[in-house]
C-alpha atoms as a PDB file:
ATOM      1  CA  MET A   1     -20.888  47.852 -18.289  1.00  0.00           C
ATOM      2  CA  LYS A   2     -16.931  48.474 -17.746  1.00  0.00           C
ATOM      3  CA  THR A   3     -17.172  47.273 -14.078  1.00  0.00           C
ATOM      4  CA  ALA A   4     -18.709  44.105 -15.342  1.00  0.00           C
ATOM      5  CA  VAL A   5     -15.818  43.483 -17.793  1.00  0.00           C
ATOM      6  CA  ASP A   6     -13.478  44.351 -14.963  1.00  0.00           C
ATOM      7  CA  TYR A   7     -14.997  41.905 -12.372  1.00  0.00           C
ATOM      8  CA  PHE A   8     -14.965  39.236 -15.058  1.00  0.00           C
ATOM      9  CA  ASN A   9     -11.228  39.843 -15.910  1.00  0.00           C
ATOM     10  CA  LYS A  10     -10.155  39.818 -12.178  1.00  0.00           C
ATOM     11  CA  LYS A  11     -12.064  36.605 -11.590  1.00  0.00           C
ATOM     12  CA  GLN A  12     -10.536  34.985 -14.738  1.00  0.00           C
ATOM     13  CA  GLU A  13      -7.059  36.115 -13.301  1.00  0.00           C
ATOM     14  CA  SER A  14      -7.600  34.703  -9.608  1.00  0.00           C
ATOM     15  CA  LYS A  15      -8.644  31.473 -11.145  1.00  0.00           C
ATOM     16  CA  GLU A  16      -5.363  31.372 -13.311  1.00  0.00           C
ATOM     17  CA  GLU A  17      -3.339  32.344 -10.186  1.00  0.00           C
ATOM     18  CA  LEU A  18      -5.177  29.482  -8.196  1.00  0.00           C
ATOM     19  CA  GLU A  19      -4.574  26.825 -10.708  1.00  0.00           C
ATOM     20  CA  ALA A  20      -0.708  27.949 -10.950  1.00  0.00           C
ATOM     21  CA  LYS A  21      -0.529  27.839  -7.087  1.00  0.00           C
ATOM     22  CA  ASN A  22      -2.158  24.191  -7.269  1.00  0.00           C
ATOM     23  CA  SER A  23       0.327  22.955  -9.758  1.00  0.00           C
ATOM     24  CA  GLU A  24       3.198  24.373  -7.885  1.00  0.00           C
ATOM     25  CA  GLN A  25       2.091  22.822  -4.715  1.00  0.00           C
ATOM     26  CA  GLN A  26       1.620  19.349  -6.713  1.00  0.00           C
ATOM     27  CA  ASN A  27       5.038  19.715  -7.901  1.00  0.00           C
ATOM     28  CA  GLU A  28       6.281  20.319  -4.471  1.00  0.00           C
ATOM     29  CA  ASN A  29       4.704  17.135  -3.295  1.00  0.00           C
ATOM     30  CA  THR A  30       5.806  15.090  -5.907  1.00  0.00           C
ATOM     31  CA  LEU A  31       9.360  16.228  -5.292  1.00  0.00           C
ATOM     32  CA  ASP A  32       9.158  15.287  -1.777  1.00  0.00           C
ATOM     33  CA  GLU A  33       7.769  11.869  -2.367  1.00  0.00           C
ATOM     34  CA  THR A  34      10.642  11.382  -4.784  1.00  0.00           C
ATOM     35  CA  ARG A  35      13.317  12.241  -2.140  1.00  0.00           C
ATOM     36  CA  LYS A  36      11.912   9.908   0.340  1.00  0.00           C
ATOM     37  CA  GLY A  37      12.982   6.952  -1.644  1.00  0.00           C
ATOM     38  CA  PHE A  38      10.742   4.117  -1.463  1.00  0.00           C
ATOM     39  CA  THR A  39       6.923   5.117  -1.128  1.00  0.00           C
ATOM     40  CA  TRP A  40       3.490   3.552  -0.905  1.00  0.00           C
ATOM     41  CA  GLY A  41       2.906   4.355  -4.552  1.00  0.00           C
ATOM     42  CA  GLN A  42       5.900   2.498  -5.550  1.00  0.00           C
ATOM     43  CA  ALA A  43       4.814  -0.497  -3.348  1.00  0.00           C
ATOM     44  CA  LEU A  44       1.447  -0.610  -4.887  1.00  0.00           C
ATOM     45  CA  GLY A  45       2.804  -0.232  -8.313  1.00  0.00           C
ATOM     46  CA  TYR A  46       5.110  -3.335  -7.758  1.00  0.00           C
ATOM     47  CA  GLY A  47       2.225  -5.293  -6.207  1.00  0.00           C
ATOM     48  CA  LEU A  48      -0.149  -4.792  -9.101  1.00  0.00           C
ATOM     49  CA  THR A  49       2.546  -5.142 -11.710  1.00  0.00           C
ATOM     50  CA  PHE A  50       3.345  -8.615 -10.061  1.00  0.00           C
ATOM     51  CA  ILE A  51      -0.660  -9.737 -10.260  1.00  0.00           C
ATOM     52  CA  VAL A  52      -0.567  -8.533 -13.980  1.00  0.00           C
ATOM     53  CA  ALA A  53       2.470 -10.664 -14.832  1.00  0.00           C
ATOM     54  CA  TRP A  54       1.323 -13.474 -12.695  1.00  0.00           C
ATOM     55  CA  ASN A  55      -1.890 -13.792 -14.523  1.00  0.00           C
ATOM     56  CA  TYR A  56      -0.119 -13.168 -18.170  1.00  0.00           C
ATOM     57  CA  ILE A  57       2.999 -14.698 -17.904  1.00  0.00           C
ATOM     58  CA  ALA A  58       2.980 -17.248 -14.883  1.00  0.00           C
ATOM     59  CA  ILE A  59      -0.492 -18.658 -15.371  1.00  0.00           C
ATOM     60  CA  PRO A  60       0.006 -19.788 -18.966  1.00  0.00           C
ATOM     61  CA  VAL A  61       3.576 -20.743 -18.827  1.00  0.00           C
ATOM     62  CA  LEU A  62       3.494 -22.924 -15.679  1.00  0.00           C
ATOM     63  CA  PRO A  63       1.027 -25.596 -16.809  1.00  0.00           C
ATOM     64  CA  LEU A  64       3.182 -26.625 -19.372  1.00  0.00           C
ATOM     65  CA  PHE A  65       5.538 -28.136 -16.582  1.00  0.00           C
ATOM     66  CA  GLY A  66       2.625 -29.511 -14.751  1.00  0.00           C
ATOM     67  CA  VAL A  67       2.032 -26.781 -11.905  1.00  0.00           C
ATOM     68  CA  LEU A  68      -1.456 -25.422 -11.815  1.00  0.00           C
ATOM     69  CA  LEU A  69      -1.999 -22.067 -10.211  1.00  0.00           C
ATOM     70  CA  PRO A  70      -4.985 -20.195  -9.210  1.00  0.00           C
ATOM     71  CA  ILE A  71      -5.894 -16.961 -11.521  1.00  0.00           C
ATOM     72  CA  ILE A  72      -6.239 -13.634  -9.514  1.00  0.00           C
ATOM     73  CA  PRO A  73      -9.228 -11.570 -10.998  1.00  0.00           C
ATOM     74  CA  LEU A  74      -8.034  -8.415 -12.675  1.00  0.00           C
ATOM     75  CA  ALA A  75     -11.145  -6.217 -12.787  1.00  0.00           C
ATOM     76  CA  TYR A  76     -10.088  -4.301  -9.513  1.00  0.00           C
ATOM     77  CA  VAL A  77      -6.518  -4.376 -10.284  1.00  0.00           C
ATOM     78  CA  TRP A  78      -7.013  -2.473 -13.421  1.00  0.00           C
ATOM     79  CA  ARG A  79      -9.052   0.183 -11.730  1.00  0.00           C
ATOM     80  CA  VAL A  80      -6.478   0.780  -9.164  1.00  0.00           C
ATOM     81  CA  LEU A  81      -3.626   0.647 -11.567  1.00  0.00           C
ATOM     82  CA  LEU A  82      -5.238   3.347 -13.779  1.00  0.00           C
ATOM     83  CA  ILE A  83      -5.797   5.579 -10.411  1.00  0.00           C
ATOM     84  CA  LEU A  84      -2.219   5.056  -9.560  1.00  0.00           C
ATOM     85  CA  LEU A  85      -1.234   6.373 -12.898  1.00  0.00           C
ATOM     86  CA  GLY A  86      -3.405   9.009 -12.574  1.00  0.00           C
ATOM     87  CA  ASN A  87      -6.238   8.488 -15.254  1.00  0.00           C
END
């Protein structure tokens, strides 16, 4: 019985060590990307922000001045934006 409990405890410790190692590696990757400057994630974020601003700010305001512009569908934009934010 004691060996089963020891095995479970060792397995639990190795799982915690693995999670700690993965977390540390993710932090290193984030720091490396931050040091690089302008990255693909930032470019994608700016592009998606522009599309959302286009639909909620430019499209409703510009018709007041007689300018009609096409609406960009936001279904896929929201999905990509949530993935980019980590949800």
